[in-house]
């Protein structure tokens, strides 16, 4: 899953609107809409704020090749 899918799905599970998420994360509604459309280029700070509100965490791992 990519960021837009994760954010949209988790927001739906929690039953919060795009506006609620924006307000709780301290970001603009336009930013939330852009992310859910797969547009824009959010900063790590913005992504971290959103994930915090949604009760999610980010993990990094080495990509498998071959």
Protein backbone atom coordinates (compact mmCIF):
# COMPACT_ATOMS: atom_id res chain seq x y z
CA UNK A 1 0.00 0.00 0.00
CA UNK A 2 1.16 3.52 -0.64
CA UNK A 3 0.72 6.57 1.57
CA UNK A 4 -2.48 7.77 -0.07
CA UNK A 5 -4.16 4.38 0.37
CA UNK A 6 -3.01 4.00 3.97
CA UNK A 7 -4.16 7.48 5.00
CA UNK A 8 -7.55 7.20 3.30
CA UNK A 9 -8.25 3.69 4.63
CA UNK A 10 -7.16 4.42 8.20
CA UNK A 11 -9.08 7.69 8.28
CA UNK A 12 -12.18 5.75 7.21
CA UNK A 13 -11.65 3.10 9.90
CA UNK A 14 -11.36 5.83 12.54
CA UNK A 15 -14.39 7.65 11.13
CA UNK A 16 -12.72 11.04 10.86
CA UNK A 17 -13.12 13.50 8.03
CA UNK A 18 -10.34 15.02 5.99
CA UNK A 19 -10.95 18.29 7.84
CA UNK A 20 -10.70 16.55 11.22
CA UNK A 21 -7.40 14.96 10.22
CA UNK A 22 -6.03 18.26 8.97
CA UNK A 23 -6.97 20.07 12.17
CA UNK A 24 -5.64 17.34 14.47
CA UNK A 25 -2.36 17.13 12.53
CA UNK A 26 -1.96 20.89 12.30
CA UNK A 27 -1.83 20.90 8.51
CA UNK A 28 -4.04 22.32 5.80
CA UNK A 29 -7.08 20.57 4.40
CA UNK A 30 -5.56 20.99 0.93
CA UNK A 31 -2.53 18.98 2.04
CA UNK A 32 -4.70 16.08 3.22
CA UNK A 33 -6.67 16.15 -0.02
CA UNK A 34 -3.47 16.22 -2.08
CA UNK A 35 -2.06 13.23 -0.21
CA UNK A 36 -5.24 11.22 -0.65
CA UNK A 37 -5.23 12.01 -4.38
CA UNK A 38 -1.60 10.95 -4.66
CA UNK A 39 -0.61 14.50 -5.55
CA UNK A 40 1.85 16.81 -3.90
CA UNK A 41 5.07 16.03 -2.13
CA UNK A 42 4.54 16.16 1.65
CA UNK A 43 7.51 16.65 3.93
CA UNK A 44 8.54 13.97 6.40
CA UNK A 45 7.31 16.27 9.16
CA UNK A 46 3.85 16.41 7.58
CA UNK A 47 3.72 12.65 7.06
CA UNK A 48 4.84 12.06 10.65
CA UNK A 49 2.10 14.34 11.98
CA UNK A 50 -0.55 12.53 9.96
CA UNK A 51 0.65 9.09 10.99
CA UNK A 52 0.71 10.15 14.64
CA UNK A 53 -2.93 11.25 14.48
CA UNK A 54 -3.89 8.01 12.72
CA UNK A 55 -2.06 5.85 15.26
CA UNK A 56 0.39 4.54 12.68
CA UNK A 57 4.17 4.36 12.49
CA UNK A 58 6.61 4.35 9.62
CA UNK A 59 9.20 1.63 9.19
CA UNK A 60 12.19 1.54 6.88
CA UNK A 61 13.63 -1.69 5.54
CA UNK A 62 16.09 -2.74 2.93
CA UNK A 63 14.37 -3.37 -0.35
CA UNK A 64 14.60 -6.90 -1.73
CA UNK A 65 16.09 -7.07 -5.20
CA UNK A 66 16.19 -9.74 -7.82
